[in-house]
mmCIF file of all heavy atoms, coordinates in Angstrom:
data_MODEL
# 
_entry.id   MODEL 
# 
loop_
_atom_site.group_PDB 
_atom_site.id 
_atom_site.type_symbol 
_atom_site.label_atom_id 
_atom_site.label_alt_id 
_atom_site.label_comp_id 
_atom_site.label_asym_id 
_atom_site.label_entity_id 
_atom_site.label_seq_id 
_atom_site.pdbx_PDB_ins_code 
_atom_site.Cartn_x 
_atom_site.Cartn_y 
_atom_site.Cartn_z 
_atom_site.occupancy 
_atom_site.B_iso_or_equiv 
_atom_site.pdbx_formal_charge 
_atom_site.auth_seq_id 
_atom_site.auth_comp_id 
_atom_site.auth_asym_id 
_atom_site.auth_atom_id 
_atom_site.pdbx_PDB_model_num 
ATOM 1   N N   . GLN A 1 1  ? 10.123 -8.841  6.235   1.00 0.00 ? 1  GLN A N   1 
ATOM 2   C CA  . GLN A 1 1  ? 9.088  -9.617  6.914   1.00 0.00 ? 1  GLN A CA  1 
ATOM 3   C C   . GLN A 1 1  ? 7.817  -9.762  6.084   1.00 0.00 ? 1  GLN A C   1 
ATOM 4   O O   . GLN A 1 1  ? 6.979  -10.618 6.358   1.00 0.00 ? 1  GLN A O   1 
ATOM 5   C CB  . GLN A 1 1  ? 8.740  -8.957  8.252   1.00 0.00 ? 1  GLN A CB  1 
ATOM 6   C CG  . GLN A 1 1  ? 9.891  -8.953  9.254   1.00 0.00 ? 1  GLN A CG  1 
ATOM 7   C CD  . GLN A 1 1  ? 9.596  -8.068  10.457  1.00 0.00 ? 1  GLN A CD  1 
ATOM 8   O OE1 . GLN A 1 1  ? 8.527  -7.463  10.549  1.00 0.00 ? 1  GLN A OE1 1 
ATOM 9   N NE2 . GLN A 1 1  ? 10.548 -7.989  11.377  1.00 0.00 ? 1  GLN A NE2 1 
ATOM 10  N N   . LEU A 1 2  ? 7.656  -8.913  5.070   1.00 0.00 ? 2  LEU A N   1 
ATOM 11  C CA  . LEU A 1 2  ? 6.414  -8.883  4.302   1.00 0.00 ? 2  LEU A CA  1 
ATOM 12  C C   . LEU A 1 2  ? 6.564  -9.605  2.970   1.00 0.00 ? 2  LEU A C   1 
ATOM 13  O O   . LEU A 1 2  ? 7.660  -9.702  2.424   1.00 0.00 ? 2  LEU A O   1 
ATOM 14  C CB  . LEU A 1 2  ? 6.000  -7.425  4.046   1.00 0.00 ? 2  LEU A CB  1 
ATOM 15  C CG  . LEU A 1 2  ? 5.824  -6.544  5.291   1.00 0.00 ? 2  LEU A CG  1 
ATOM 16  C CD1 . LEU A 1 2  ? 5.525  -5.109  4.875   1.00 0.00 ? 2  LEU A CD1 1 
ATOM 17  C CD2 . LEU A 1 2  ? 4.706  -7.079  6.172   1.00 0.00 ? 2  LEU A CD2 1 
ATOM 18  N N   . THR A 1 3  ? 5.470  -10.078 2.453   1.00 0.00 ? 3  THR A N   1 
ATOM 19  C CA  . THR A 1 3  ? 5.465  -10.616 1.099   1.00 0.00 ? 3  THR A CA  1 
ATOM 20  C C   . THR A 1 3  ? 5.452  -9.449  0.121   1.00 0.00 ? 3  THR A C   1 
ATOM 21  O O   . THR A 1 3  ? 5.192  -8.298  0.502   1.00 0.00 ? 3  THR A O   1 
ATOM 22  C CB  . THR A 1 3  ? 4.233  -11.490 0.859   1.00 0.00 ? 3  THR A CB  1 
ATOM 23  O OG1 . THR A 1 3  ? 3.059  -10.666 0.953   1.00 0.00 ? 3  THR A OG1 1 
ATOM 24  C CG2 . THR A 1 3  ? 4.155  -12.616 1.884   1.00 0.00 ? 3  THR A CG2 1 
ATOM 25  N N   . VAL A 1 4  ? 5.695  -9.741  -1.154  1.00 0.00 ? 4  VAL A N   1 
ATOM 26  C CA  . VAL A 1 4  ? 5.711  -8.665  -2.148  1.00 0.00 ? 4  VAL A CA  1 
ATOM 27  C C   . VAL A 1 4  ? 4.354  -7.955  -2.221  1.00 0.00 ? 4  VAL A C   1 
ATOM 28  O O   . VAL A 1 4  ? 4.299  -6.720  -2.231  1.00 0.00 ? 4  VAL A O   1 
ATOM 29  C CB  . VAL A 1 4  ? 6.138  -9.216  -3.527  1.00 0.00 ? 4  VAL A CB  1 
ATOM 30  C CG1 . VAL A 1 4  ? 6.002  -8.131  -4.595  1.00 0.00 ? 4  VAL A CG1 1 
ATOM 31  C CG2 . VAL A 1 4  ? 7.576  -9.726  -3.471  1.00 0.00 ? 4  VAL A CG2 1 
ATOM 32  N N   . PRO A 1 5  ? 3.241  -8.658  -2.258  1.00 0.00 ? 5  PRO A N   1 
ATOM 33  C CA  . PRO A 1 5  ? 1.953  -7.949  -2.261  1.00 0.00 ? 5  PRO A CA  1 
ATOM 34  C C   . PRO A 1 5  ? 1.759  -7.102  -1.002  1.00 0.00 ? 5  PRO A C   1 
ATOM 35  O O   . PRO A 1 5  ? 1.203  -6.002  -1.061  1.00 0.00 ? 5  PRO A O   1 
ATOM 36  C CB  . PRO A 1 5  ? 0.918  -9.083  -2.345  1.00 0.00 ? 5  PRO A CB  1 
ATOM 37  C CG  . PRO A 1 5  ? 1.655  -10.214 -2.982  1.00 0.00 ? 5  PRO A CG  1 
ATOM 38  C CD  . PRO A 1 5  ? 3.048  -10.120 -2.458  1.00 0.00 ? 5  PRO A CD  1 
ATOM 39  N N   . GLU A 1 6  ? 2.198  -7.630  0.154   1.00 0.00 ? 6  GLU A N   1 
ATOM 40  C CA  . GLU A 1 6  ? 2.060  -6.876  1.401   1.00 0.00 ? 6  GLU A CA  1 
ATOM 41  C C   . GLU A 1 6  ? 2.903  -5.606  1.382   1.00 0.00 ? 6  GLU A C   1 
ATOM 42  O O   . GLU A 1 6  ? 2.515  -4.587  1.964   1.00 0.00 ? 6  GLU A O   1 
ATOM 43  C CB  . GLU A 1 6  ? 2.464  -7.754  2.587   1.00 0.00 ? 6  GLU A CB  1 
ATOM 44  C CG  . GLU A 1 6  ? 1.453  -8.860  2.898   1.00 0.00 ? 6  GLU A CG  1 
ATOM 45  C CD  . GLU A 1 6  ? 1.975  -9.834  3.948   1.00 0.00 ? 6  GLU A CD  1 
ATOM 46  O OE1 . GLU A 1 6  ? 3.220  -9.909  4.130   1.00 0.00 ? 6  GLU A OE1 1 
ATOM 47  O OE2 . GLU A 1 6  ? 1.153  -10.514 4.580   1.00 0.00 ? 6  GLU A OE2 1 
ATOM 48  N N   . LEU A 1 7  ? 4.061  -5.669  0.704   1.00 0.00 ? 7  LEU A N   1 
ATOM 49  C CA  . LEU A 1 7  ? 4.912  -4.476  0.604   1.00 0.00 ? 7  LEU A CA  1 
ATOM 50  C C   . LEU A 1 7  ? 4.160  -3.338  -0.059  1.00 0.00 ? 7  LEU A C   1 
ATOM 51  O O   . LEU A 1 7  ? 4.204  -2.187  0.394   1.00 0.00 ? 7  LEU A O   1 
ATOM 52  C CB  . LEU A 1 7  ? 6.174  -4.790  -0.210  1.00 0.00 ? 7  LEU A CB  1 
ATOM 53  C CG  . LEU A 1 7  ? 7.345  -5.456  0.496   1.00 0.00 ? 7  LEU A CG  1 
ATOM 54  C CD1 . LEU A 1 7  ? 8.460  -5.737  -0.489  1.00 0.00 ? 7  LEU A CD1 1 
ATOM 55  C CD2 . LEU A 1 7  ? 7.862  -4.559  1.620   1.00 0.00 ? 7  LEU A CD2 1 
ATOM 56  N N   . HIS A 1 8  ? 3.477  -3.657  -1.142  1.00 0.00 ? 8  HIS A N   1 
ATOM 57  C CA  . HIS A 1 8  ? 2.762  -2.619  -1.889  1.00 0.00 ? 8  HIS A CA  1 
ATOM 58  C C   . HIS A 1 8  ? 1.568  -2.085  -1.108  1.00 0.00 ? 8  HIS A C   1 
ATOM 59  O O   . HIS A 1 8  ? 1.147  -0.939  -1.322  1.00 0.00 ? 8  HIS A O   1 
ATOM 60  C CB  . HIS A 1 8  ? 2.297  -3.177  -3.241  1.00 0.00 ? 8  HIS A CB  1 
ATOM 61  C CG  . HIS A 1 8  ? 3.423  -3.445  -4.191  1.00 0.00 ? 8  HIS A CG  1 
ATOM 62  N ND1 . HIS A 1 8  ? 4.010  -2.463  -4.960  1.00 0.00 ? 8  HIS A ND1 1 
ATOM 63  C CD2 . HIS A 1 8  ? 4.087  -4.596  -4.483  1.00 0.00 ? 8  HIS A CD2 1 
ATOM 64  C CE1 . HIS A 1 8  ? 4.979  -2.989  -5.692  1.00 0.00 ? 8  HIS A CE1 1 
ATOM 65  N NE2 . HIS A 1 8  ? 5.051  -4.283  -5.424  1.00 0.00 ? 8  HIS A NE2 1 
ATOM 66  N N   . ALA A 1 9  ? 1.061  -2.881  -0.188  1.00 0.00 ? 9  ALA A N   1 
ATOM 67  C CA  . ALA A 1 9  ? -0.122 -2.461  0.567   1.00 0.00 ? 9  ALA A CA  1 
ATOM 68  C C   . ALA A 1 9  ? 0.213  -1.816  1.904   1.00 0.00 ? 9  ALA A C   1 
ATOM 69  O O   . ALA A 1 9  ? -0.632 -1.140  2.501   1.00 0.00 ? 9  ALA A O   1 
ATOM 70  C CB  . ALA A 1 9  ? -1.047 -3.668  0.793   1.00 0.00 ? 9  ALA A CB  1 
ATOM 71  N N   . ASP A 1 10 ? 1.455  -2.012  2.376   1.00 0.00 ? 10 ASP A N   1 
ATOM 72  C CA  . ASP A 1 10 ? 1.816  -1.537  3.710   1.00 0.00 ? 10 ASP A CA  1 
ATOM 73  C C   . ASP A 1 10 ? 1.855  -0.005  3.761   1.00 0.00 ? 10 ASP A C   1 
ATOM 74  O O   . ASP A 1 10 ? 2.560  0.640   2.982   1.00 0.00 ? 10 ASP A O   1 
ATOM 75  C CB  . ASP A 1 10 ? 3.190  -2.100  4.110   1.00 0.00 ? 10 ASP A CB  1 
ATOM 76  C CG  . ASP A 1 10 ? 3.498  -1.807  5.563   1.00 0.00 ? 10 ASP A CG  1 
ATOM 77  O OD1 . ASP A 1 10 ? 3.084  -2.586  6.423   1.00 0.00 ? 10 ASP A OD1 1 
ATOM 78  O OD2 . ASP A 1 10 ? 4.154  -0.773  5.825   1.00 0.00 ? 10 ASP A OD2 1 
ATOM 79  N N   . LYS A 1 11 ? 1.109  0.572   4.705   1.00 0.00 ? 11 LYS A N   1 
ATOM 80  C CA  . LYS A 1 11 ? 1.039  2.032   4.808   1.00 0.00 ? 11 LYS A CA  1 
ATOM 81  C C   . LYS A 1 11 ? 2.239  2.618   5.542   1.00 0.00 ? 11 LYS A C   1 
ATOM 82  O O   . LYS A 1 11 ? 2.531  3.799   5.411   1.00 0.00 ? 11 LYS A O   1 
ATOM 83  C CB  . LYS A 1 11 ? -0.260 2.434   5.515   1.00 0.00 ? 11 LYS A CB  1 
ATOM 84  C CG  . LYS A 1 11 ? -1.514 2.097   4.725   1.00 0.00 ? 11 LYS A CG  1 
ATOM 85  C CD  . LYS A 1 11 ? -2.774 2.565   5.440   1.00 0.00 ? 11 LYS A CD  1 
ATOM 86  C CE  . LYS A 1 11 ? -4.017 2.232   4.619   1.00 0.00 ? 11 LYS A CE  1 
ATOM 87  N NZ  . LYS A 1 11 ? -5.263 2.681   5.307   1.00 0.00 ? 11 LYS A NZ  1 
ATOM 88  N N   . GLY A 1 12 ? 2.908  1.779   6.332   1.00 0.00 ? 12 GLY A N   1 
ATOM 89  C CA  . GLY A 1 12 ? 4.075  2.277   7.056   1.00 0.00 ? 12 GLY A CA  1 
ATOM 90  C C   . GLY A 1 12 ? 5.255  2.523   6.139   1.00 0.00 ? 12 GLY A C   1 
ATOM 91  O O   . GLY A 1 12 ? 5.865  3.595   6.146   1.00 0.00 ? 12 GLY A O   1 
ATOM 92  N N   . LEU A 1 13 ? 5.565  1.528   5.307   1.00 0.00 ? 13 LEU A N   1 
ATOM 93  C CA  . LEU A 1 13 ? 6.664  1.699   4.349   1.00 0.00 ? 13 LEU A CA  1 
ATOM 94  C C   . LEU A 1 13 ? 6.276  2.644   3.214   1.00 0.00 ? 13 LEU A C   1 
ATOM 95  O O   . LEU A 1 13 ? 7.111  3.377   2.690   1.00 0.00 ? 13 LEU A O   1 
ATOM 96  C CB  . LEU A 1 13 ? 7.066  0.341   3.763   1.00 0.00 ? 13 LEU A CB  1 
ATOM 97  C CG  . LEU A 1 13 ? 7.878  -0.578  4.669   1.00 0.00 ? 13 LEU A CG  1 
ATOM 98  C CD1 . LEU A 1 13 ? 8.120  -1.916  3.997   1.00 0.00 ? 13 LEU A CD1 1 
ATOM 99  C CD2 . LEU A 1 13 ? 9.208  0.068   5.042   1.00 0.00 ? 13 LEU A CD2 1 
ATOM 100 N N   . HIS A 1 14 ? 5.017  2.601   2.845   1.00 0.00 ? 14 HIS A N   1 
ATOM 101 C CA  . HIS A 1 14 ? 4.500  3.494   1.807   1.00 0.00 ? 14 HIS A CA  1 
ATOM 102 C C   . HIS A 1 14 ? 5.335  3.384   0.528   1.00 0.00 ? 14 HIS A C   1 
ATOM 103 O O   . HIS A 1 14 ? 5.904  4.372   0.037   1.00 0.00 ? 14 HIS A O   1 
ATOM 104 C CB  . HIS A 1 14 ? 4.483  4.937   2.322   1.00 0.00 ? 14 HIS A CB  1 
ATOM 105 C CG  . HIS A 1 14 ? 3.610  5.856   1.502   1.00 0.00 ? 14 HIS A CG  1 
ATOM 106 N ND1 . HIS A 1 14 ? 2.281  5.622   1.305   1.00 0.00 ? 14 HIS A ND1 1 
ATOM 107 C CD2 . HIS A 1 14 ? 3.897  6.997   0.821   1.00 0.00 ? 14 HIS A CD2 1 
ATOM 108 C CE1 . HIS A 1 14 ? 1.763  6.578   0.552   1.00 0.00 ? 14 HIS A CE1 1 
ATOM 109 N NE2 . HIS A 1 14 ? 2.728  7.426   0.239   1.00 0.00 ? 14 HIS A NE2 1 
ATOM 110 N N   . LEU A 1 15 ? 5.440  2.170   -0.002  1.00 0.00 ? 15 LEU A N   1 
ATOM 111 C CA  . LEU A 1 15 ? 6.153  1.936   -1.251  1.00 0.00 ? 15 LEU A CA  1 
ATOM 112 C C   . LEU A 1 15 ? 5.342  2.526   -2.394  1.00 0.00 ? 15 LEU A C   1 
ATOM 113 O O   . LEU A 1 15 ? 4.223  2.088   -2.660  1.00 0.00 ? 15 LEU A O   1 
ATOM 114 C CB  . LEU A 1 15 ? 6.351  0.425   -1.451  1.00 0.00 ? 15 LEU A CB  1 
ATOM 115 C CG  . LEU A 1 15 ? 7.137  -0.019  -2.673  1.00 0.00 ? 15 LEU A CG  1 
ATOM 116 C CD1 . LEU A 1 15 ? 8.603  0.356   -2.529  1.00 0.00 ? 15 LEU A CD1 1 
ATOM 117 C CD2 . LEU A 1 15 ? 6.992  -1.524  -2.872  1.00 0.00 ? 15 LEU A CD2 1 
ATOM 118 N N   . GLU A 1 16 ? 5.887  3.529   -3.079  1.00 0.00 ? 16 GLU A N   1 
ATOM 119 C CA  . GLU A 1 16 ? 5.114  4.186   -4.125  1.00 0.00 ? 16 GLU A CA  1 
ATOM 120 C C   . GLU A 1 16 ? 5.973  4.487   -5.348  1.00 0.00 ? 16 GLU A C   1 
ATOM 121 O O   . GLU A 1 16 ? 7.199  4.622   -5.255  1.00 0.00 ? 16 GLU A O   1 
ATOM 122 C CB  . GLU A 1 16 ? 4.496  5.482   -3.611  1.00 0.00 ? 16 GLU A CB  1 
ATOM 123 C CG  . GLU A 1 16 ? 5.490  6.545   -3.190  1.00 0.00 ? 16 GLU A CG  1 
ATOM 124 C CD  . GLU A 1 16 ? 4.808  7.829   -2.746  1.00 0.00 ? 16 GLU A CD  1 
ATOM 125 O OE1 . GLU A 1 16 ? 3.588  7.824   -2.550  1.00 0.00 ? 16 GLU A OE1 1 
ATOM 126 O OE2 . GLU A 1 16 ? 5.520  8.846   -2.607  1.00 0.00 ? 16 GLU A OE2 1 
ATOM 127 N N   . SER A 1 17 ? 5.324  4.557   -6.491  1.00 0.00 ? 17 SER A N   1 
ATOM 128 C CA  . SER A 1 17 ? 6.011  4.862   -7.741  1.00 0.00 ? 17 SER A CA  1 
ATOM 129 C C   . SER A 1 17 ? 6.461  6.314   -7.760  1.00 0.00 ? 17 SER A C   1 
ATOM 130 O O   . SER A 1 17 ? 5.960  7.156   -7.007  1.00 0.00 ? 17 SER A O   1 
ATOM 131 C CB  . SER A 1 17 ? 5.089  4.592   -8.934  1.00 0.00 ? 17 SER A CB  1 
ATOM 132 O OG  . SER A 1 17 ? 4.671  3.246   -8.948  1.00 0.00 ? 17 SER A OG  1 
ATOM 133 N N   . VAL A 1 18 ? 7.410  6.592   -8.638  1.00 0.00 ? 18 VAL A N   1 
ATOM 134 C CA  . VAL A 1 18 ? 7.930  7.952   -8.784  1.00 0.00 ? 18 VAL A CA  1 
ATOM 135 C C   . VAL A 1 18 ? 7.330  8.569   -10.039 1.00 0.00 ? 18 VAL A C   1 
ATOM 136 O O   . VAL A 1 18 ? 7.469  8.019   -11.140 1.00 0.00 ? 18 VAL A O   1 
ATOM 137 C CB  . VAL A 1 18 ? 9.471  7.948   -8.875  1.00 0.00 ? 18 VAL A CB  1 
ATOM 138 C CG1 . VAL A 1 18 ? 10.007 9.346   -9.137  1.00 0.00 ? 18 VAL A CG1 1 
ATOM 139 C CG2 . VAL A 1 18 ? 10.061 7.389   -7.587  1.00 0.00 ? 18 VAL A CG2 1 
ATOM 140 N N   . ASP A 1 19 ? 6.664  9.696   -9.867  1.00 0.00 ? 19 ASP A N   1 
ATOM 141 C CA  . ASP A 1 19 ? 5.993  10.362  -10.976 1.00 0.00 ? 19 ASP A CA  1 
ATOM 142 C C   . ASP A 1 19 ? 7.010  10.796  -12.031 1.00 0.00 ? 19 ASP A C   1 
ATOM 143 O O   . ASP A 1 19 ? 8.062  11.355  -11.719 1.00 0.00 ? 19 ASP A O   1 
ATOM 144 C CB  . ASP A 1 19 ? 5.225  11.577  -10.452 1.00 0.00 ? 19 ASP A CB  1 
ATOM 145 C CG  . ASP A 1 19 ? 4.359  12.208  -11.526 1.00 0.00 ? 19 ASP A CG  1 
ATOM 146 O OD1 . ASP A 1 19 ? 3.805  11.455  -12.356 1.00 0.00 ? 19 ASP A OD1 1 
ATOM 147 O OD2 . ASP A 1 19 ? 4.259  13.457  -11.546 1.00 0.00 ? 19 ASP A OD2 1 
ATOM 148 N N   . LYS A 1 20 ? 6.709  10.537  -13.292 1.00 0.00 ? 20 LYS A N   1 
ATOM 149 C CA  . LYS A 1 20 ? 7.540  10.938  -14.436 1.00 0.00 ? 20 LYS A CA  1 
ATOM 150 C C   . LYS A 1 20 ? 8.948  10.357  -14.376 1.00 0.00 ? 20 LYS A C   1 
ATOM 151 O O   . LYS A 1 20 ? 9.905  10.944  -14.886 1.00 0.00 ? 20 LYS A O   1 
ATOM 152 C CB  . LYS A 1 20 ? 7.608  12.466  -14.544 1.00 0.00 ? 20 LYS A CB  1 
ATOM 153 C CG  . LYS A 1 20 ? 6.257  13.124  -14.778 1.00 0.00 ? 20 LYS A CG  1 
ATOM 154 C CD  . LYS A 1 20 ? 6.387  14.642  -14.872 1.00 0.00 ? 20 LYS A CD  1 
ATOM 155 C CE  . LYS A 1 20 ? 5.035  15.292  -15.088 1.00 0.00 ? 20 LYS A CE  1 
ATOM 156 N NZ  . LYS A 1 20 ? 5.148  16.791  -15.155 1.00 0.00 ? 20 LYS A NZ  1 
ATOM 157 N N   . ALA A 1 21 ? 9.093  9.197   -13.761 1.00 0.00 ? 21 ALA A N   1 
ATOM 158 C CA  . ALA A 1 21 ? 10.414 8.564   -13.668 1.00 0.00 ? 21 ALA A CA  1 
ATOM 159 C C   . ALA A 1 21 ? 10.826 8.015   -15.027 1.00 0.00 ? 21 ALA A C   1 
ATOM 160 O O   . ALA A 1 21 ? 10.007 7.452   -15.755 1.00 0.00 ? 21 ALA A O   1 
ATOM 161 C CB  . ALA A 1 21 ? 10.390 7.441   -12.641 1.00 0.00 ? 21 ALA A CB  1 
ATOM 162 N N   . ARG A 1 22 ? 12.120 8.164   -15.360 1.00 0.00 ? 22 ARG A N   1 
ATOM 163 C CA  . ARG A 1 22 ? 12.635 7.613   -16.612 1.00 0.00 ? 22 ARG A CA  1 
ATOM 164 C C   . ARG A 1 22 ? 12.837 6.107   -16.512 1.00 0.00 ? 22 ARG A C   1 
ATOM 165 O O   . ARG A 1 22 ? 12.984 5.440   -17.522 1.00 0.00 ? 22 ARG A O   1 
ATOM 166 C CB  . ARG A 1 22 ? 13.952 8.307   -16.973 1.00 0.00 ? 22 ARG A CB  1 
ATOM 167 C CG  . ARG A 1 22 ? 13.810 9.812   -17.156 1.00 0.00 ? 22 ARG A CG  1 
ATOM 168 C CD  . ARG A 1 22 ? 12.745 10.160  -18.206 1.00 0.00 ? 22 ARG A CD  1 
ATOM 169 N NE  . ARG A 1 22 ? 13.129 9.704   -19.515 1.00 0.00 ? 22 ARG A NE  1 
ATOM 170 C CZ  . ARG A 1 22 ? 13.838 10.438  -20.379 1.00 0.00 ? 22 ARG A CZ  1 
ATOM 171 N NH1 . ARG A 1 22 ? 14.211 11.670  -20.045 1.00 0.00 ? 22 ARG A NH1 1 
ATOM 172 N NH2 . ARG A 1 22 ? 14.150 9.969   -21.553 1.00 0.00 ? 22 ARG A NH2 1 
ATOM 173 N N   . ASP A 1 23 ? 12.856 5.601   -15.284 1.00 0.00 ? 23 ASP A N   1 
ATOM 174 C CA  . ASP A 1 23 ? 12.919 4.153   -15.059 1.00 0.00 ? 23 ASP A CA  1 
ATOM 175 C C   . ASP A 1 23 ? 11.642 3.763   -14.326 1.00 0.00 ? 23 ASP A C   1 
ATOM 176 O O   . ASP A 1 23 ? 11.420 4.162   -13.175 1.00 0.00 ? 23 ASP A O   1 
ATOM 177 C CB  . ASP A 1 23 ? 14.152 3.793   -14.222 1.00 0.00 ? 23 ASP A CB  1 
ATOM 178 C CG  . ASP A 1 23 ? 14.441 2.295   -14.224 1.00 0.00 ? 23 ASP A CG  1 
ATOM 179 O OD1 . ASP A 1 23 ? 13.480 1.513   -14.173 1.00 0.00 ? 23 ASP A OD1 1 
ATOM 180 O OD2 . ASP A 1 23 ? 15.627 1.927   -14.265 1.00 0.00 ? 23 ASP A OD2 1 
ATOM 181 N N   . SER A 1 24 ? 10.786 2.986   -14.992 1.00 0.00 ? 24 SER A N   1 
ATOM 182 C CA  . SER A 1 24 ? 9.466  2.663   -14.431 1.00 0.00 ? 24 SER A CA  1 
ATOM 183 C C   . SER A 1 24 ? 9.549  1.824   -13.161 1.00 0.00 ? 24 SER A C   1 
ATOM 184 O O   . SER A 1 24 ? 8.561  1.680   -12.439 1.00 0.00 ? 24 SER A O   1 
ATOM 185 C CB  . SER A 1 24 ? 8.632  1.911   -15.479 1.00 0.00 ? 24 SER A CB  1 
ATOM 186 O OG  . SER A 1 24 ? 9.276  0.685   -15.836 1.00 0.00 ? 24 SER A OG  1 
ATOM 187 N N   . ARG A 1 25 ? 10.725 1.279   -12.863 1.00 0.00 ? 25 ARG A N   1 
ATOM 188 C CA  . ARG A 1 25 ? 10.889 0.439   -11.665 1.00 0.00 ? 25 ARG A CA  1 
ATOM 189 C C   . ARG A 1 25 ? 11.213 1.254   -10.419 1.00 0.00 ? 25 ARG A C   1 
ATOM 190 O O   . ARG A 1 25 ? 11.319 0.688   -9.315  1.00 0.00 ? 25 ARG A O   1 
ATOM 191 C CB  . ARG A 1 25 ? 11.989 -0.589  -11.918 1.00 0.00 ? 25 ARG A CB  1 
ATOM 192 C CG  . ARG A 1 25 ? 11.708 -1.543  -13.062 1.00 0.00 ? 25 ARG A CG  1 
ATOM 193 C CD  . ARG A 1 25 ? 12.942 -2.321  -13.459 1.00 0.00 ? 25 ARG A CD  1 
ATOM 194 N NE  . ARG A 1 25 ? 13.988 -1.444  -13.984 1.00 0.00 ? 25 ARG A NE  1 
ATOM 195 C CZ  . ARG A 1 25 ? 15.190 -1.856  -14.385 1.00 0.00 ? 25 ARG A CZ  1 
ATOM 196 N NH1 . ARG A 1 25 ? 15.492 -3.148  -14.307 1.00 0.00 ? 25 ARG A NH1 1 
ATOM 197 N NH2 . ARG A 1 25 ? 16.076 -0.998  -14.844 1.00 0.00 ? 25 ARG A NH2 1 
ATOM 198 N N   . MET A 1 26 ? 11.396 2.552   -10.560 1.00 0.00 ? 26 MET A N   1 
ATOM 199 C CA  . MET A 1 26 ? 11.764 3.397   -9.425  1.00 0.00 ? 26 MET A CA  1 
ATOM 200 C C   . MET A 1 26 ? 10.624 3.489   -8.417  1.00 0.00 ? 26 MET A C   1 
ATOM 201 O O   . MET A 1 26 ? 9.465  3.728   -8.766  1.00 0.00 ? 26 MET A O   1 
ATOM 202 C CB  . MET A 1 26 ? 12.131 4.803   -9.893  1.00 0.00 ? 26 MET A CB  1 
ATOM 203 C CG  . MET A 1 26 ? 13.510 4.930   -10.486 1.00 0.00 ? 26 MET A CG  1 
ATOM 204 S SD  . MET A 1 26 ? 14.778 4.754   -9.219  1.00 0.00 ? 26 MET A SD  1 
ATOM 205 C CE  . MET A 1 26 ? 16.255 5.029   -10.220 1.00 0.00 ? 26 MET A CE  1 
ATOM 206 N N   . ARG A 1 27 ? 10.973 3.302   -7.118  1.00 0.00 ? 27 ARG A N   1 
ATOM 207 C CA  . ARG A 1 27 ? 10.023 3.429   -6.024  1.00 0.00 ? 27 ARG A CA  1 
ATOM 208 C C   . ARG A 1 27 ? 10.689 4.194   -4.876  1.00 0.00 ? 27 ARG A C   1 
ATOM 209 O O   . ARG A 1 27 ? 11.921 4.249   -4.778  1.00 0.00 ? 27 ARG A O   1 
ATOM 210 C CB  . ARG A 1 27 ? 9.588  2.047   -5.496  1.00 0.00 ? 27 ARG A CB  1 
ATOM 211 C CG  . ARG A 1 27 ? 9.012  1.117   -6.542  1.00 0.00 ? 27 ARG A CG  1 
ATOM 212 C CD  . ARG A 1 27 ? 7.603  1.532   -6.954  1.00 0.00 ? 27 ARG A CD  1 
ATOM 213 N NE  . ARG A 1 27 ? 7.002  0.520   -7.813  1.00 0.00 ? 27 ARG A NE  1 
ATOM 214 C CZ  . ARG A 1 27 ? 7.140  0.488   -9.133  1.00 0.00 ? 27 ARG A CZ  1 
ATOM 215 N NH1 . ARG A 1 27 ? 7.880  1.413   -9.740  1.00 0.00 ? 27 ARG A NH1 1 
ATOM 216 N NH2 . ARG A 1 27 ? 6.548  -0.453  -9.854  1.00 0.00 ? 27 ARG A NH2 1 
# 
């Protein structure tokens, strides 16, 4: 239901990067 920018801002889903990930795309 959300746009890509909204995904990154949504506090409910809490899309976040993974610290020290070997793949920078990991969330």
